N, C-alpha and C. Protein backbone atom coordinates (compact mmCIF):
# COMPACT_ATOMS: atom_id res chain seq x y z
N UNK A 1 -3.03 2.69 -0.43
CA UNK A 1 -2.67 2.93 0.95
C UNK A 1 -1.15 2.83 1.07
N UNK A 2 -0.52 3.80 1.69
CA UNK A 2 0.92 3.75 1.85
C UNK A 2 1.30 2.77 2.96
N UNK A 3 2.55 2.37 2.96
CA UNK A 3 3.04 1.45 4.01
C UNK A 3 2.75 2.01 5.39
N UNK A 4 3.03 3.30 5.60
CA UNK A 4 2.86 3.91 6.91
C UNK A 4 1.39 4.00 7.32
N UNK A 5 0.47 3.97 6.35
CA UNK A 5 -0.95 4.11 6.65
C UNK A 5 -1.65 2.77 6.88
N UNK A 6 -0.94 1.64 6.69
CA UNK A 6 -1.56 0.33 6.92
C UNK A 6 -1.99 0.21 8.38
N UNK A 7 -3.16 -0.27 8.60
CA UNK A 7 -3.63 -0.54 9.96
C UNK A 7 -3.26 -1.99 10.29
N UNK A 8 -2.75 -2.18 11.49
CA UNK A 8 -2.27 -3.49 11.91
C UNK A 8 -3.02 -3.96 13.15
N UNK A 9 -3.12 -5.26 13.31
CA UNK A 9 -3.67 -5.80 14.55
C UNK A 9 -2.96 -7.09 14.90
N UNK A 10 -2.98 -7.38 16.20
CA UNK A 10 -2.36 -8.60 16.68
C UNK A 10 -3.24 -9.79 16.36
N UNK A 11 -2.57 -10.89 16.03
CA UNK A 11 -3.28 -12.17 15.89
C UNK A 11 -3.21 -12.85 17.25
N UNK A 12 -3.84 -13.99 17.42
CA UNK A 12 -3.80 -14.70 18.70
C UNK A 12 -2.34 -14.98 19.05
N UNK A 13 -1.94 -14.63 20.25
CA UNK A 13 -0.54 -14.77 20.64
C UNK A 13 -0.41 -15.07 22.12
N UNK A 14 0.78 -15.54 22.49
CA UNK A 14 1.16 -15.73 23.88
C UNK A 14 2.36 -14.82 24.13
N UNK A 15 2.40 -14.22 25.30
CA UNK A 15 3.49 -13.33 25.72
C UNK A 15 4.03 -13.93 27.01
N UNK A 16 5.27 -14.45 26.96
CA UNK A 16 5.82 -15.22 28.07
C UNK A 16 7.20 -14.70 28.44
N UNK A 17 7.45 -14.65 29.75
CA UNK A 17 8.79 -14.35 30.24
C UNK A 17 9.36 -15.62 30.85
N UNK A 18 10.62 -15.94 30.47
CA UNK A 18 11.27 -17.16 30.95
C UNK A 18 12.74 -16.88 31.18
N UNK A 19 13.20 -17.10 32.39
CA UNK A 19 14.61 -16.89 32.75
C UNK A 19 15.11 -15.51 32.34
N UNK A 20 14.27 -14.49 32.52
CA UNK A 20 14.68 -13.12 32.21
C UNK A 20 14.54 -12.72 30.75
N UNK A 21 14.15 -13.65 29.90
CA UNK A 21 13.94 -13.34 28.49
C UNK A 21 12.44 -13.28 28.23
N UNK A 22 12.05 -12.46 27.26
CA UNK A 22 10.64 -12.32 26.91
C UNK A 22 10.42 -12.82 25.50
N UNK A 23 9.35 -13.59 25.34
CA UNK A 23 9.01 -14.18 24.05
C UNK A 23 7.55 -13.89 23.73
N UNK A 24 7.26 -13.71 22.45
CA UNK A 24 5.88 -13.70 21.97
C UNK A 24 5.80 -14.78 20.89
N UNK A 25 4.65 -15.42 20.83
CA UNK A 25 4.48 -16.49 19.85
C UNK A 25 3.05 -16.46 19.33
N UNK A 26 2.91 -16.71 18.06
CA UNK A 26 1.58 -16.83 17.47
C UNK A 26 0.98 -18.15 17.92
N UNK A 27 -0.27 -18.13 18.27
CA UNK A 27 -0.95 -19.34 18.69
C UNK A 27 -1.71 -19.95 17.52
N UNK A 28 -1.78 -21.23 17.39
CA UNK A 28 -1.28 -22.21 18.34
C UNK A 28 0.10 -22.75 18.01
N UNK A 29 0.65 -22.42 16.85
CA UNK A 29 1.85 -23.11 16.37
C UNK A 29 3.13 -22.29 16.26
N UNK A 30 3.13 -21.05 16.72
CA UNK A 30 4.34 -20.24 16.62
C UNK A 30 4.50 -19.62 15.26
N UNK A 31 5.63 -19.12 14.95
CA UNK A 31 6.89 -19.28 15.67
C UNK A 31 6.99 -18.32 16.86
N UNK A 32 7.91 -18.64 17.77
CA UNK A 32 8.18 -17.75 18.89
C UNK A 32 9.24 -16.74 18.47
N UNK A 33 9.12 -15.54 19.00
CA UNK A 33 10.09 -14.48 18.73
C UNK A 33 10.57 -13.93 20.07
N UNK A 34 11.87 -13.88 20.25
CA UNK A 34 12.46 -13.31 21.47
C UNK A 34 12.49 -11.80 21.31
N UNK A 35 11.95 -11.10 22.31
CA UNK A 35 11.94 -9.63 22.27
C UNK A 35 13.18 -9.11 23.00
N UNK A 36 14.08 -8.54 22.24
CA UNK A 36 15.34 -8.04 22.76
C UNK A 36 15.38 -6.53 22.60
N UNK A 37 15.86 -5.83 23.63
CA UNK A 37 16.04 -4.38 23.54
C UNK A 37 14.75 -3.64 23.21
N UNK A 38 14.82 -2.83 22.16
CA UNK A 38 13.68 -1.99 21.80
C UNK A 38 12.49 -2.78 21.28
N UNK A 39 12.68 -4.04 20.92
CA UNK A 39 11.56 -4.85 20.43
C UNK A 39 10.45 -4.95 21.47
N UNK A 40 10.82 -5.09 22.73
CA UNK A 40 9.82 -5.15 23.80
C UNK A 40 9.07 -3.84 23.95
N UNK A 41 9.77 -2.73 23.79
CA UNK A 41 9.13 -1.42 23.87
C UNK A 41 8.14 -1.25 22.73
N UNK A 42 8.56 -1.63 21.52
CA UNK A 42 7.67 -1.52 20.36
C UNK A 42 6.44 -2.39 20.56
N UNK A 43 6.63 -3.63 21.00
CA UNK A 43 5.49 -4.53 21.23
C UNK A 43 4.54 -3.94 22.27
N UNK A 44 5.09 -3.38 23.35
CA UNK A 44 4.27 -2.82 24.41
C UNK A 44 3.52 -1.56 23.96
N UNK A 45 4.11 -0.79 23.06
CA UNK A 45 3.48 0.44 22.58
C UNK A 45 2.45 0.19 21.49
N UNK A 46 2.43 -1.01 20.95
CA UNK A 46 1.51 -1.32 19.87
C UNK A 46 0.09 -1.42 20.40
N UNK A 47 -0.85 -0.84 19.67
CA UNK A 47 -2.28 -0.92 19.97
C UNK A 47 -2.97 -1.41 18.71
N UNK A 48 -3.88 -2.37 18.83
CA UNK A 48 -4.59 -2.87 17.66
C UNK A 48 -5.22 -1.74 16.87
N UNK A 49 -5.09 -1.81 15.55
CA UNK A 49 -5.63 -0.79 14.66
C UNK A 49 -4.69 0.36 14.40
N UNK A 50 -3.50 0.32 15.00
CA UNK A 50 -2.53 1.41 14.83
C UNK A 50 -1.80 1.29 13.49
N UNK A 51 -1.30 2.42 13.03
CA UNK A 51 -0.42 2.44 11.86
C UNK A 51 1.02 2.47 12.35
N UNK A 52 1.94 2.24 11.44
CA UNK A 52 3.37 2.31 11.80
C UNK A 52 3.72 3.70 12.33
N UNK A 53 3.15 4.74 11.72
CA UNK A 53 3.43 6.10 12.20
C UNK A 53 2.93 6.32 13.62
N UNK A 54 1.76 5.76 13.94
CA UNK A 54 1.22 5.91 15.30
C UNK A 54 2.05 5.14 16.31
N UNK A 55 2.49 3.94 15.95
CA UNK A 55 3.35 3.16 16.85
C UNK A 55 4.68 3.88 17.04
N UNK A 56 5.23 4.42 15.96
CA UNK A 56 6.49 5.15 16.05
C UNK A 56 6.36 6.33 17.00
N UNK A 57 5.27 7.06 16.93
CA UNK A 57 5.05 8.21 17.83
C UNK A 57 4.98 7.76 19.28
N UNK A 58 4.30 6.63 19.53
CA UNK A 58 4.21 6.10 20.90
C UNK A 58 5.58 5.68 21.42
N UNK A 59 6.33 4.97 20.60
CA UNK A 59 7.66 4.50 21.00
C UNK A 59 8.58 5.70 21.23
N UNK A 60 8.53 6.67 20.35
CA UNK A 60 9.37 7.87 20.50
C UNK A 60 9.10 8.55 21.83
N UNK A 61 7.83 8.66 22.18
CA UNK A 61 7.48 9.26 23.47
C UNK A 61 7.97 8.44 24.65
N UNK A 62 7.91 7.12 24.51
CA UNK A 62 8.34 6.23 25.60
C UNK A 62 9.84 6.27 25.82
N UNK A 63 10.61 6.45 24.75
CA UNK A 63 12.07 6.40 24.89
C UNK A 63 12.74 7.76 24.79
N UNK A 64 11.95 8.80 24.53
CA UNK A 64 12.50 10.16 24.50
C UNK A 64 13.33 10.48 23.27
N UNK A 65 12.97 9.89 22.14
CA UNK A 65 13.67 10.18 20.89
C UNK A 65 12.70 10.78 19.88
N UNK A 66 13.24 11.43 18.87
CA UNK A 66 12.41 11.99 17.81
C UNK A 66 11.87 10.85 16.95
N UNK A 67 10.60 10.93 16.53
CA UNK A 67 10.04 9.87 15.69
C UNK A 67 10.88 9.60 14.44
N UNK A 68 11.40 10.64 13.80
CA UNK A 68 12.21 10.44 12.60
C UNK A 68 13.46 9.60 12.86
N UNK A 69 13.97 9.66 14.08
CA UNK A 69 15.19 8.93 14.42
C UNK A 69 14.96 7.43 14.55
N UNK A 70 13.71 7.02 14.79
CA UNK A 70 13.45 5.60 15.02
C UNK A 70 12.46 4.99 14.03
N UNK A 71 11.90 5.80 13.15
CA UNK A 71 10.83 5.33 12.25
C UNK A 71 11.23 4.11 11.43
N UNK A 72 12.41 4.12 10.86
CA UNK A 72 12.83 3.00 10.01
C UNK A 72 12.93 1.71 10.83
N UNK A 73 13.48 1.79 12.03
CA UNK A 73 13.63 0.61 12.88
C UNK A 73 12.28 0.07 13.33
N UNK A 74 11.38 0.97 13.72
CA UNK A 74 10.05 0.54 14.15
C UNK A 74 9.31 -0.13 12.99
N UNK A 75 9.32 0.49 11.82
CA UNK A 75 8.65 -0.08 10.65
C UNK A 75 9.24 -1.43 10.29
N UNK A 76 10.55 -1.55 10.36
CA UNK A 76 11.21 -2.83 10.05
C UNK A 76 10.73 -3.92 11.02
N UNK A 77 10.68 -3.60 12.30
CA UNK A 77 10.24 -4.60 13.28
C UNK A 77 8.77 -4.95 13.07
N UNK A 78 7.92 -3.97 12.79
CA UNK A 78 6.51 -4.25 12.53
C UNK A 78 6.37 -5.15 11.30
N UNK A 79 7.18 -4.90 10.28
CA UNK A 79 7.16 -5.76 9.09
C UNK A 79 7.57 -7.19 9.45
N UNK A 80 8.57 -7.34 10.34
CA UNK A 80 8.96 -8.67 10.81
C UNK A 80 7.80 -9.36 11.52
N UNK A 81 7.05 -8.60 12.33
CA UNK A 81 5.91 -9.17 13.04
C UNK A 81 4.81 -9.61 12.08
N UNK A 82 4.63 -8.88 10.99
CA UNK A 82 3.66 -9.28 9.96
C UNK A 82 4.16 -10.56 9.28
N UNK A 83 5.44 -10.60 8.93
CA UNK A 83 5.99 -11.79 8.25
C UNK A 83 5.89 -13.05 9.11
N UNK A 84 6.05 -12.90 10.42
CA UNK A 84 5.98 -14.08 11.31
C UNK A 84 4.55 -14.41 11.70
N UNK A 85 3.60 -13.57 11.30
CA UNK A 85 2.20 -13.84 11.59
C UNK A 85 1.70 -13.34 12.91
N UNK A 86 2.52 -12.59 13.66
CA UNK A 86 2.06 -12.03 14.93
C UNK A 86 1.15 -10.84 14.73
N UNK A 87 1.36 -10.10 13.64
CA UNK A 87 0.48 -8.99 13.27
C UNK A 87 -0.09 -9.28 11.89
N UNK A 88 -1.24 -8.70 11.62
CA UNK A 88 -1.81 -8.78 10.28
C UNK A 88 -2.29 -7.41 9.86
N UNK A 89 -2.28 -7.18 8.55
CA UNK A 89 -2.75 -5.93 7.99
C UNK A 89 -4.26 -6.03 7.89
N UNK A 90 -4.96 -5.00 8.36
CA UNK A 90 -6.42 -5.00 8.29
C UNK A 90 -6.92 -4.03 7.25
């Protein structure tokens, strides 16, 4: 299975806004991640069972950019979410 074809899903998490900042954290022990800029858009466009390519297409549509222009950034952020335990590969 290629990296782009991996199916991802969210693990148990909390999504909190505090003093104008948005955070997501894996439950019950974290870590918390602050969603800055496009990170919030990527998180919001994510649907359980999606691949990186599918998330990239959703984000591209939401922000009006070509998928090729943002694919590397979206994949990098999704990889960060897997490393922090917020997403898992299914």
